[in-house]
């Protein structure tokens, strides 16, 4: 894997730290059909389908050319949305695995920091690197995102300086509301 940005450098150091070789079901490497796509400033809301499977997504693709931040929900469990970041890597990954678990901090604008654990994942046959966040109160974070301007993500790297990313929240309120409404309507 060629390291060409700060993200890749952070990934390399995280990988050298604690590498966990856990097999995961390959849910992300699957290509879903995107329908009902609607733009909301820097965010979009959409429906992802594959056969009878359906998910609803609000996603920010504006801040980085190689990274997205999304909130996702599934009918029947709409009250359990999840936050995910995806970064495009330079090559298709050969295996599905958890690369690392690291402490993470999230903050919307100048609000109180939310402490979390971030799971770094690669998926076989996918050129993406995924970050899943374990959050105690995702509903408050989503509410804050809905009326915020920026979300800041920070990842601890042991003795090295933390690695940060910032995503725009312009249009997030509309995208998140539409995603939640569509999920509940489909349940």
N, C-alpha and C. Protein backbone atom coordinates (compact mmCIF):
# COMPACT_ATOMS: atom_id res chain seq x y z
N UNK A 1 0.85 -1.17 0.00
CA UNK A 1 0.00 0.00 0.00
C UNK A 1 0.90 1.24 0.00
N UNK A 2 0.74 2.09 -0.99
CA UNK A 2 1.54 3.29 -1.10
C UNK A 2 0.99 4.36 -0.16
N UNK A 3 1.85 4.94 0.66
CA UNK A 3 1.41 5.97 1.60
C UNK A 3 1.59 7.32 0.96
N UNK A 4 0.44 7.97 0.59
CA UNK A 4 0.52 9.22 -0.14
C UNK A 4 -0.15 10.38 0.56
N UNK A 5 -0.72 10.17 1.73
CA UNK A 5 -1.35 11.28 2.42
C UNK A 5 -1.21 11.07 3.92
N UNK A 6 -1.62 12.05 4.68
CA UNK A 6 -1.56 11.94 6.13
C UNK A 6 -2.41 10.78 6.64
N UNK A 7 -3.55 10.53 5.96
CA UNK A 7 -4.39 9.41 6.37
C UNK A 7 -3.63 8.10 6.26
N UNK A 8 -2.96 7.90 5.14
CA UNK A 8 -2.25 6.64 4.93
C UNK A 8 -1.10 6.50 5.92
N UNK A 9 -0.44 7.60 6.26
CA UNK A 9 0.61 7.56 7.26
C UNK A 9 0.03 7.16 8.61
N UNK A 10 -1.12 7.75 8.96
CA UNK A 10 -1.79 7.39 10.22
C UNK A 10 -2.19 5.92 10.20
N UNK A 11 -2.68 5.46 9.08
CA UNK A 11 -3.08 4.06 8.95
C UNK A 11 -1.87 3.14 9.16
N UNK A 12 -0.75 3.50 8.58
CA UNK A 12 0.45 2.67 8.72
C UNK A 12 0.89 2.59 10.17
N UNK A 13 0.89 3.72 10.88
CA UNK A 13 1.30 3.71 12.28
C UNK A 13 0.29 2.95 13.13
N UNK A 14 -0.99 3.11 12.83
CA UNK A 14 -2.01 2.36 13.58
C UNK A 14 -1.83 0.87 13.35
N UNK A 15 -1.52 0.49 12.13
CA UNK A 15 -1.35 -0.92 11.80
C UNK A 15 -0.15 -1.49 12.54
N UNK A 16 0.92 -0.72 12.66
CA UNK A 16 2.10 -1.20 13.37
C UNK A 16 1.83 -1.36 14.86
N UNK A 17 0.87 -0.61 15.37
CA UNK A 17 0.55 -0.67 16.80
C UNK A 17 -0.05 -2.01 17.18
N UNK A 18 -1.35 -2.10 17.13
CA UNK A 18 -2.05 -3.31 17.54
C UNK A 18 -2.82 -3.85 16.37
N UNK A 19 -2.31 -4.86 15.70
CA UNK A 19 -2.99 -5.43 14.54
C UNK A 19 -3.87 -6.57 14.99
N UNK A 20 -5.14 -6.48 14.68
CA UNK A 20 -6.08 -7.53 15.01
C UNK A 20 -6.52 -8.20 13.72
N UNK A 21 -6.37 -9.49 13.64
CA UNK A 21 -6.71 -10.21 12.42
C UNK A 21 -8.03 -10.95 12.61
N UNK A 22 -9.11 -10.21 12.74
CA UNK A 22 -10.42 -10.80 12.92
C UNK A 22 -11.14 -10.84 11.58
N UNK A 23 -11.72 -11.97 11.26
CA UNK A 23 -12.48 -12.07 10.02
C UNK A 23 -13.84 -11.43 10.23
N UNK A 24 -14.26 -10.64 9.27
CA UNK A 24 -15.56 -9.96 9.33
C UNK A 24 -16.39 -10.36 8.13
N UNK A 25 -17.70 -10.39 8.29
CA UNK A 25 -18.52 -10.60 7.10
C UNK A 25 -18.34 -9.43 6.15
N UNK A 26 -18.25 -9.70 4.90
CA UNK A 26 -17.99 -8.67 3.90
C UNK A 26 -19.27 -7.95 3.51
N UNK A 27 -19.67 -7.01 4.36
CA UNK A 27 -20.90 -6.26 4.09
C UNK A 27 -20.63 -5.05 3.23
N UNK A 28 -19.44 -4.47 3.33
CA UNK A 28 -19.16 -3.22 2.63
C UNK A 28 -18.70 -3.43 1.19
N UNK A 29 -18.08 -4.55 0.92
CA UNK A 29 -17.53 -4.79 -0.41
C UNK A 29 -18.64 -5.03 -1.43
N UNK A 30 -19.85 -5.20 -0.98
CA UNK A 30 -20.99 -5.42 -1.86
C UNK A 30 -21.37 -4.10 -2.51
N UNK A 31 -21.68 -4.13 -3.80
CA UNK A 31 -22.13 -2.92 -4.50
C UNK A 31 -23.65 -2.83 -4.43
N UNK A 32 -24.14 -1.77 -3.82
CA UNK A 32 -25.57 -1.54 -3.70
C UNK A 32 -26.04 -0.64 -4.83
N UNK A 33 -27.29 -0.75 -5.17
CA UNK A 33 -27.92 0.17 -6.11
C UNK A 33 -28.31 1.42 -5.34
N UNK A 34 -28.00 2.58 -5.88
CA UNK A 34 -28.34 3.85 -5.25
C UNK A 34 -29.56 4.40 -5.95
N UNK A 35 -30.61 4.67 -5.17
CA UNK A 35 -31.83 5.26 -5.72
C UNK A 35 -32.26 6.43 -4.84
N UNK A 36 -33.14 7.22 -5.38
CA UNK A 36 -33.74 8.33 -4.65
C UNK A 36 -32.68 9.23 -4.02
N UNK A 37 -31.63 9.50 -4.78
CA UNK A 37 -30.51 10.33 -4.34
C UNK A 37 -30.94 11.80 -4.38
N UNK A 38 -30.74 12.51 -3.28
CA UNK A 38 -31.09 13.93 -3.23
C UNK A 38 -29.96 14.71 -2.57
N UNK A 39 -29.54 15.82 -3.19
CA UNK A 39 -28.46 16.65 -2.67
C UNK A 39 -29.02 17.67 -1.68
N UNK A 40 -28.26 17.88 -0.59
CA UNK A 40 -28.59 18.86 0.45
C UNK A 40 -27.30 19.64 0.74
N UNK A 41 -27.00 20.65 -0.04
CA UNK A 41 -25.74 21.40 0.09
C UNK A 41 -24.56 20.43 0.00
N UNK A 42 -23.76 20.28 1.07
CA UNK A 42 -22.58 19.40 1.04
C UNK A 42 -22.93 17.94 1.35
N UNK A 43 -24.17 17.66 1.67
CA UNK A 43 -24.61 16.32 2.03
C UNK A 43 -25.57 15.78 0.97
N UNK A 44 -25.78 14.47 1.00
CA UNK A 44 -26.76 13.81 0.14
C UNK A 44 -27.52 12.81 1.01
N UNK A 45 -28.76 12.52 0.62
CA UNK A 45 -29.50 11.42 1.23
C UNK A 45 -29.89 10.48 0.11
N UNK A 46 -29.95 9.18 0.43
CA UNK A 46 -30.19 8.18 -0.62
C UNK A 46 -30.70 6.89 -0.02
N UNK A 47 -31.17 6.03 -0.91
CA UNK A 47 -31.58 4.68 -0.55
C UNK A 47 -30.61 3.73 -1.22
N UNK A 48 -30.11 2.75 -0.46
CA UNK A 48 -29.23 1.72 -0.98
C UNK A 48 -30.00 0.40 -0.98
N UNK A 49 -30.04 -0.27 -2.13
CA UNK A 49 -30.78 -1.53 -2.22
C UNK A 49 -29.93 -2.60 -2.87
N UNK A 50 -30.20 -3.83 -2.47
CA UNK A 50 -29.61 -5.01 -3.09
C UNK A 50 -30.61 -6.13 -2.85
N UNK A 51 -31.34 -6.51 -3.89
CA UNK A 51 -32.42 -7.47 -3.72
C UNK A 51 -33.46 -6.90 -2.77
N UNK A 52 -33.79 -7.64 -1.72
CA UNK A 52 -34.77 -7.17 -0.72
C UNK A 52 -34.11 -6.33 0.38
N UNK A 53 -32.80 -6.30 0.42
CA UNK A 53 -32.08 -5.55 1.45
C UNK A 53 -32.12 -4.06 1.11
N UNK A 54 -32.38 -3.24 2.15
CA UNK A 54 -32.47 -1.80 1.94
C UNK A 54 -31.86 -1.07 3.13
N UNK A 55 -31.10 -0.02 2.83
CA UNK A 55 -30.51 0.85 3.85
C UNK A 55 -30.73 2.29 3.42
N UNK A 56 -30.70 3.18 4.38
CA UNK A 56 -30.85 4.61 4.11
C UNK A 56 -29.60 5.31 4.60
N UNK A 57 -29.13 6.26 3.81
CA UNK A 57 -27.85 6.90 4.11
C UNK A 57 -27.93 8.41 3.92
N UNK A 58 -27.27 9.11 4.85
CA UNK A 58 -26.97 10.54 4.70
C UNK A 58 -25.45 10.60 4.65
N UNK A 59 -24.89 11.23 3.60
CA UNK A 59 -23.45 11.16 3.39
C UNK A 59 -22.88 12.51 2.97
N UNK A 60 -21.69 12.81 3.47
CA UNK A 60 -20.95 14.02 3.11
C UNK A 60 -19.78 13.61 2.23
N UNK A 61 -19.76 14.11 1.00
CA UNK A 61 -18.69 13.79 0.04
C UNK A 61 -17.90 15.03 -0.37
N UNK A 62 -18.16 16.15 0.27
CA UNK A 62 -17.62 17.44 -0.15
C UNK A 62 -16.22 17.74 0.41
N UNK A 63 -15.96 17.40 1.65
CA UNK A 63 -14.75 17.88 2.34
C UNK A 63 -13.45 17.27 1.85
N UNK A 64 -13.48 16.01 1.40
CA UNK A 64 -12.28 15.32 0.95
C UNK A 64 -12.57 14.59 -0.35
N UNK A 65 -11.61 14.57 -1.24
CA UNK A 65 -11.78 13.84 -2.50
C UNK A 65 -11.74 12.34 -2.29
N UNK A 66 -11.08 11.89 -1.22
CA UNK A 66 -10.92 10.45 -1.00
C UNK A 66 -11.59 9.93 0.27
N UNK A 67 -12.48 10.74 0.87
CA UNK A 67 -13.12 10.30 2.12
C UNK A 67 -14.57 10.77 2.18
N UNK A 68 -15.41 9.93 2.80
CA UNK A 68 -16.81 10.29 3.03
C UNK A 68 -17.15 10.01 4.49
N UNK A 69 -18.12 10.73 4.99
CA UNK A 69 -18.67 10.50 6.32
C UNK A 69 -20.15 10.24 6.14
N UNK A 70 -20.65 9.17 6.74
CA UNK A 70 -22.07 8.86 6.55
C UNK A 70 -22.73 8.41 7.85
N UNK A 71 -24.05 8.64 7.89
CA UNK A 71 -24.91 8.09 8.93
C UNK A 71 -25.85 7.16 8.18
N UNK A 72 -26.01 5.95 8.70
CA UNK A 72 -26.74 4.90 8.00
C UNK A 72 -27.81 4.32 8.91
N UNK A 73 -28.93 3.89 8.30
CA UNK A 73 -30.02 3.28 9.06
C UNK A 73 -30.64 2.16 8.23
N UNK A 74 -31.20 1.18 8.93
CA UNK A 74 -31.81 0.03 8.30
C UNK A 74 -33.25 -0.12 8.79
N UNK A 75 -34.19 -0.36 7.87
CA UNK A 75 -35.59 -0.54 8.29
C UNK A 75 -35.72 -1.64 9.35
N UNK A 76 -36.61 -1.40 10.30
CA UNK A 76 -36.81 -2.34 11.40
C UNK A 76 -35.96 -2.01 12.60
N UNK A 77 -34.82 -1.36 12.37
CA UNK A 77 -33.94 -0.92 13.46
C UNK A 77 -33.49 0.52 13.20
N UNK A 78 -34.42 1.34 12.75
CA UNK A 78 -34.11 2.74 12.43
C UNK A 78 -33.56 3.51 13.64
N UNK A 79 -33.91 3.05 14.84
CA UNK A 79 -33.45 3.73 16.04
C UNK A 79 -32.01 3.34 16.41
N UNK A 80 -31.35 2.54 15.57
CA UNK A 80 -29.96 2.14 15.79
C UNK A 80 -29.08 2.55 14.60
N UNK A 81 -29.04 3.85 14.27
CA UNK A 81 -28.19 4.27 13.15
C UNK A 81 -26.72 4.12 13.52
N UNK A 82 -25.86 4.12 12.50
CA UNK A 82 -24.43 4.04 12.76
C UNK A 82 -23.69 5.08 11.94
N UNK A 83 -22.58 5.54 12.52
CA UNK A 83 -21.71 6.53 11.89
C UNK A 83 -20.52 5.79 11.31
N UNK A 84 -20.19 6.13 10.07
CA UNK A 84 -19.10 5.44 9.37
C UNK A 84 -18.33 6.43 8.52
N UNK A 85 -17.02 6.27 8.49
CA UNK A 85 -16.19 7.03 7.58
C UNK A 85 -15.55 6.05 6.62
N UNK A 86 -15.44 6.42 5.36
CA UNK A 86 -14.79 5.59 4.34
C UNK A 86 -13.72 6.42 3.65
N UNK A 87 -12.55 5.83 3.50
CA UNK A 87 -11.46 6.47 2.77
C UNK A 87 -11.06 5.53 1.64
N UNK A 88 -10.92 6.09 0.45
CA UNK A 88 -10.50 5.28 -0.70
C UNK A 88 -9.00 5.05 -0.62
N UNK A 89 -8.61 3.79 -0.73
CA UNK A 89 -7.21 3.41 -0.73
C UNK A 89 -6.72 3.28 -2.16
N UNK A 90 -5.45 3.10 -2.33
CA UNK A 90 -4.86 3.02 -3.67
C UNK A 90 -5.02 1.68 -4.35
N UNK A 91 -5.54 0.67 -3.64
CA UNK A 91 -5.65 -0.65 -4.25
C UNK A 91 -6.79 -1.44 -3.61
N UNK A 92 -7.26 -2.45 -4.33
CA UNK A 92 -8.27 -3.36 -3.82
C UNK A 92 -7.66 -4.18 -2.69
N UNK A 93 -8.38 -4.33 -1.61
CA UNK A 93 -7.89 -5.07 -0.45
C UNK A 93 -8.09 -6.57 -0.63
N UNK A 94 -7.13 -7.36 -0.19
CA UNK A 94 -7.15 -8.80 -0.37
C UNK A 94 -7.89 -9.56 0.72
N UNK A 95 -8.15 -8.91 1.84
CA UNK A 95 -8.85 -9.60 2.92
C UNK A 95 -9.68 -8.63 3.75
N UNK A 96 -10.70 -9.21 4.38
CA UNK A 96 -11.52 -8.45 5.32
C UNK A 96 -10.89 -8.63 6.70
N UNK A 97 -10.62 -7.52 7.37
CA UNK A 97 -10.02 -7.62 8.69
C UNK A 97 -10.18 -6.32 9.46
N UNK A 98 -10.15 -6.45 10.76
CA UNK A 98 -10.05 -5.29 11.63
C UNK A 98 -8.57 -4.97 11.75
N UNK A 99 -8.20 -3.78 11.36
CA UNK A 99 -6.80 -3.37 11.38
C UNK A 99 -6.40 -2.90 12.77
N UNK A 100 -7.32 -2.16 13.44
CA UNK A 100 -6.99 -1.60 14.74
C UNK A 100 -8.24 -1.06 15.42
N UNK A 101 -8.16 -0.91 16.73
CA UNK A 101 -9.15 -0.19 17.53
C UNK A 101 -8.39 0.93 18.21
N UNK A 102 -8.87 2.17 18.06
CA UNK A 102 -8.17 3.31 18.65
C UNK A 102 -9.16 4.23 19.35
N UNK A 103 -8.70 4.91 20.41
CA UNK A 103 -9.55 5.93 21.02
C UNK A 103 -9.81 7.05 20.01
N UNK A 104 -11.02 7.55 20.01
CA UNK A 104 -11.39 8.62 19.08
C UNK A 104 -12.18 9.69 19.83
N UNK A 105 -12.12 10.90 19.31
CA UNK A 105 -12.89 12.02 19.84
C UNK A 105 -13.66 12.64 18.70
N UNK A 106 -14.89 12.99 18.95
CA UNK A 106 -15.73 13.66 17.96
C UNK A 106 -16.24 14.93 18.61
N UNK A 107 -16.39 15.97 17.81
CA UNK A 107 -16.92 17.23 18.34
C UNK A 107 -17.62 17.96 17.22
N UNK A 108 -18.82 18.42 17.48
CA UNK A 108 -19.54 19.27 16.55
C UNK A 108 -19.33 20.70 16.99
N UNK A 109 -18.77 21.51 16.11
CA UNK A 109 -18.47 22.92 16.40
C UNK A 109 -17.71 23.01 17.72
N UNK A 110 -18.18 23.83 18.65
CA UNK A 110 -17.51 24.00 19.94
C UNK A 110 -18.22 23.26 21.06
N UNK A 111 -19.09 22.34 20.71
CA UNK A 111 -19.82 21.56 21.72
C UNK A 111 -18.87 20.62 22.46
N UNK A 112 -19.39 19.98 23.48
CA UNK A 112 -18.61 19.06 24.28
C UNK A 112 -18.11 17.89 23.43
N UNK A 113 -16.90 17.47 23.69
CA UNK A 113 -16.33 16.33 22.96
C UNK A 113 -17.08 15.05 23.31
N UNK A 114 -17.19 14.19 22.32
CA UNK A 114 -17.75 12.86 22.49
C UNK A 114 -16.59 11.88 22.37
N UNK A 115 -16.41 11.07 23.39
CA UNK A 115 -15.31 10.09 23.37
C UNK A 115 -15.85 8.76 22.86
N UNK A 116 -15.05 8.09 22.05
CA UNK A 116 -15.49 6.88 21.38
C UNK A 116 -14.29 5.96 21.17
N UNK A 117 -14.59 4.82 20.62
CA UNK A 117 -13.57 3.92 20.10
C UNK A 117 -13.86 3.79 18.61
N UNK A 118 -12.83 3.87 17.80
CA UNK A 118 -12.97 3.74 16.36
C UNK A 118 -12.35 2.42 15.93
N UNK A 119 -13.10 1.68 15.14
CA UNK A 119 -12.62 0.40 14.61
C UNK A 119 -12.23 0.63 13.15
N UNK A 120 -10.98 0.36 12.82
CA UNK A 120 -10.48 0.52 11.46
C UNK A 120 -10.61 -0.83 10.75
N UNK A 121 -11.29 -0.85 9.60
CA UNK A 121 -11.63 -2.10 8.92
C UNK A 121 -11.28 -2.01 7.44
N UNK A 122 -10.76 -3.10 6.89
CA UNK A 122 -10.66 -3.25 5.43
C UNK A 122 -11.59 -4.38 5.03
N UNK A 123 -12.08 -4.32 3.80
CA UNK A 123 -12.99 -5.34 3.27
C UNK A 123 -12.40 -5.93 2.01
N UNK A 124 -12.42 -7.25 1.92
CA UNK A 124 -11.93 -7.95 0.74
C UNK A 124 -12.65 -7.47 -0.51
N UNK A 125 -11.92 -7.28 -1.60
CA UNK A 125 -12.46 -6.87 -2.90
C UNK A 125 -13.00 -5.45 -2.91
N UNK A 126 -12.59 -4.63 -1.95
CA UNK A 126 -13.05 -3.24 -1.85
C UNK A 126 -11.82 -2.35 -1.78
N UNK A 127 -11.85 -1.20 -2.42
CA UNK A 127 -10.72 -0.28 -2.36
C UNK A 127 -10.88 0.74 -1.25
N UNK A 128 -11.79 0.47 -0.31
CA UNK A 128 -12.02 1.41 0.79
C UNK A 128 -11.48 0.91 2.11
N UNK A 129 -11.26 1.86 2.99
CA UNK A 129 -10.88 1.63 4.37
C UNK A 129 -12.00 2.25 5.19
N UNK A 130 -12.57 1.50 6.13
CA UNK A 130 -13.74 1.95 6.88
C UNK A 130 -13.39 2.21 8.34
N UNK A 131 -14.05 3.21 8.90
CA UNK A 131 -13.93 3.51 10.32
C UNK A 131 -15.34 3.47 10.89
N UNK A 132 -15.57 2.57 11.86
CA UNK A 132 -16.84 2.50 12.57
C UNK A 132 -16.62 3.08 13.96
N UNK A 133 -17.57 3.87 14.42
CA UNK A 133 -17.47 4.51 15.72
C UNK A 133 -18.43 3.84 16.70
N UNK A 134 -17.94 3.51 17.89
CA UNK A 134 -18.78 2.98 18.95
C UNK A 134 -19.17 4.16 19.84
N UNK A 135 -20.44 4.54 19.77
CA UNK A 135 -20.92 5.74 20.44
C UNK A 135 -22.02 5.41 21.45
N UNK A 136 -21.94 6.01 22.63
CA UNK A 136 -22.97 5.82 23.65
C UNK A 136 -24.26 6.54 23.30
N UNK A 137 -24.16 7.71 22.69
CA UNK A 137 -25.36 8.51 22.41
C UNK A 137 -25.31 9.04 20.98
N UNK A 138 -25.50 8.16 20.02
CA UNK A 138 -25.49 8.58 18.62
C UNK A 138 -26.62 9.54 18.32
N UNK A 139 -27.73 9.42 19.04
CA UNK A 139 -28.88 10.29 18.77
C UNK A 139 -28.56 11.75 19.09
N UNK A 140 -27.83 12.00 20.18
CA UNK A 140 -27.43 13.37 20.49
C UNK A 140 -26.43 13.89 19.47
N UNK A 141 -25.50 13.02 19.04
CA UNK A 141 -24.53 13.42 18.02
C UNK A 141 -25.25 13.78 16.72
N UNK A 142 -26.22 12.98 16.32
CA UNK A 142 -26.98 13.26 15.09
C UNK A 142 -27.73 14.58 15.23
N UNK A 143 -28.32 14.82 16.40
CA UNK A 143 -29.02 16.09 16.63
C UNK A 143 -28.04 17.26 16.53
N UNK A 144 -26.86 17.12 17.12
CA UNK A 144 -25.84 18.17 17.04
C UNK A 144 -25.38 18.38 15.60
N UNK A 145 -25.20 17.28 14.87
CA UNK A 145 -24.78 17.38 13.47
C UNK A 145 -25.83 18.12 12.65
N UNK A 146 -27.10 17.91 12.97
CA UNK A 146 -28.19 18.51 12.22
C UNK A 146 -28.23 20.02 12.25
N UNK A 147 -27.67 20.61 13.30
CA UNK A 147 -27.66 22.08 13.35
C UNK A 147 -26.25 22.65 13.53
N UNK A 148 -25.24 21.83 13.25
CA UNK A 148 -23.86 22.28 13.37
C UNK A 148 -23.28 22.75 12.05
N UNK A 149 -22.06 23.25 12.10
CA UNK A 149 -21.34 23.71 10.91
C UNK A 149 -20.24 22.73 10.49
N UNK A 150 -19.56 22.11 11.48
CA UNK A 150 -18.47 21.18 11.18
C UNK A 150 -18.43 20.10 12.25
N UNK A 151 -17.99 18.92 11.82
CA UNK A 151 -17.71 17.85 12.79
C UNK A 151 -16.23 17.54 12.70
N UNK A 152 -15.60 17.48 13.86
CA UNK A 152 -14.17 17.21 13.98
C UNK A 152 -14.00 15.79 14.49
N UNK A 153 -13.15 15.01 13.84
CA UNK A 153 -12.84 13.65 14.25
C UNK A 153 -11.36 13.59 14.60
N UNK A 154 -11.04 13.04 15.75
CA UNK A 154 -9.65 12.89 16.17
C UNK A 154 -9.37 11.45 16.55
N UNK A 155 -8.25 10.92 16.08
CA UNK A 155 -7.88 9.54 16.34
C UNK A 155 -6.54 9.52 17.05
N UNK A 156 -6.47 8.84 18.19
CA UNK A 156 -5.21 8.72 18.92
C UNK A 156 -4.28 7.76 18.19
N UNK A 157 -2.98 8.09 18.25
CA UNK A 157 -1.95 7.27 17.58
C UNK A 157 -0.84 6.91 18.55
N UNK A 158 -1.21 6.61 19.78
CA UNK A 158 -0.19 6.26 20.77
C UNK A 158 0.66 7.46 21.12
N UNK A 159 1.96 7.33 20.93
CA UNK A 159 2.89 8.40 21.30
C UNK A 159 2.98 9.50 20.24
N UNK A 160 2.43 9.25 19.06
CA UNK A 160 2.43 10.27 18.00
C UNK A 160 1.27 11.23 18.22
N UNK A 161 1.34 12.39 17.57
CA UNK A 161 0.25 13.35 17.66
C UNK A 161 -1.04 12.74 17.11
N UNK A 162 -2.18 13.12 17.67
CA UNK A 162 -3.45 12.61 17.13
C UNK A 162 -3.62 13.01 15.66
N UNK A 163 -4.40 12.25 14.95
CA UNK A 163 -4.71 12.50 13.55
C UNK A 163 -6.13 13.02 13.50
N UNK A 164 -6.37 14.12 12.77
CA UNK A 164 -7.67 14.78 12.73
C UNK A 164 -8.23 14.87 11.32
N UNK A 165 -9.55 14.85 11.24
CA UNK A 165 -10.27 15.14 10.00
C UNK A 165 -11.46 16.02 10.37
N UNK A 166 -11.86 16.88 9.44
CA UNK A 166 -12.99 17.78 9.65
C UNK A 166 -13.92 17.66 8.45
N UNK A 167 -15.20 17.46 8.72
CA UNK A 167 -16.21 17.36 7.67
C UNK A 167 -17.23 18.48 7.83
N UNK A 168 -17.69 19.00 6.71
CA UNK A 168 -18.72 20.04 6.70
C UNK A 168 -20.05 19.44 7.12
N UNK A 169 -20.86 20.24 7.81
CA UNK A 169 -22.22 19.82 8.17
C UNK A 169 -23.26 20.65 7.43
N UNK A 170 -22.84 21.40 6.42
CA UNK A 170 -23.77 22.20 5.63
C UNK A 170 -24.71 21.27 4.86
N UNK A 171 -25.97 21.27 5.22
CA UNK A 171 -26.97 20.40 4.62
C UNK A 171 -27.21 19.12 5.38
N UNK A 172 -26.43 18.87 6.43
CA UNK A 172 -26.57 17.62 7.19
C UNK A 172 -27.95 17.49 7.82
N UNK A 173 -28.48 18.58 8.35
CA UNK A 173 -29.79 18.52 9.00
C UNK A 173 -30.86 18.00 8.07
N UNK A 174 -30.91 18.51 6.85
CA UNK A 174 -31.91 18.07 5.87
C UNK A 174 -31.67 16.62 5.46
N UNK A 175 -30.41 16.25 5.22
CA UNK A 175 -30.09 14.89 4.79
C UNK A 175 -30.41 13.89 5.89
N UNK A 176 -30.06 14.20 7.13
CA UNK A 176 -30.32 13.29 8.25
C UNK A 176 -31.82 13.14 8.51
N UNK A 177 -32.55 14.25 8.46
CA UNK A 177 -34.00 14.19 8.66
C UNK A 177 -34.65 13.33 7.59
N UNK A 178 -34.26 13.53 6.34
CA UNK A 178 -34.83 12.74 5.24
C UNK A 178 -34.47 11.26 5.39
N UNK A 179 -33.23 10.96 5.74
CA UNK A 179 -32.81 9.58 5.93
C UNK A 179 -33.65 8.90 7.01
N UNK A 180 -33.81 9.57 8.16
CA UNK A 180 -34.57 9.00 9.26
C UNK A 180 -36.05 8.83 8.89
N UNK A 181 -36.62 9.81 8.21
CA UNK A 181 -38.03 9.74 7.79
C UNK A 181 -38.24 8.57 6.83
N UNK A 182 -37.35 8.43 5.85
CA UNK A 182 -37.48 7.34 4.87
C UNK A 182 -37.33 5.97 5.55
N UNK A 183 -36.41 5.86 6.50
CA UNK A 183 -36.21 4.59 7.19
C UNK A 183 -37.47 4.22 7.97
N UNK A 184 -38.02 5.16 8.71
CA UNK A 184 -39.22 4.89 9.52
C UNK A 184 -40.41 4.55 8.63
N UNK A 185 -40.52 5.22 7.51
CA UNK A 185 -41.62 4.96 6.58
C UNK A 185 -41.51 3.55 5.99
N UNK A 186 -40.29 3.06 5.81
CA UNK A 186 -40.06 1.74 5.21
C UNK A 186 -40.21 0.60 6.24
N UNK A 187 -40.20 0.95 7.53
CA UNK A 187 -40.26 -0.09 8.58
C UNK A 187 -41.65 -0.65 8.77
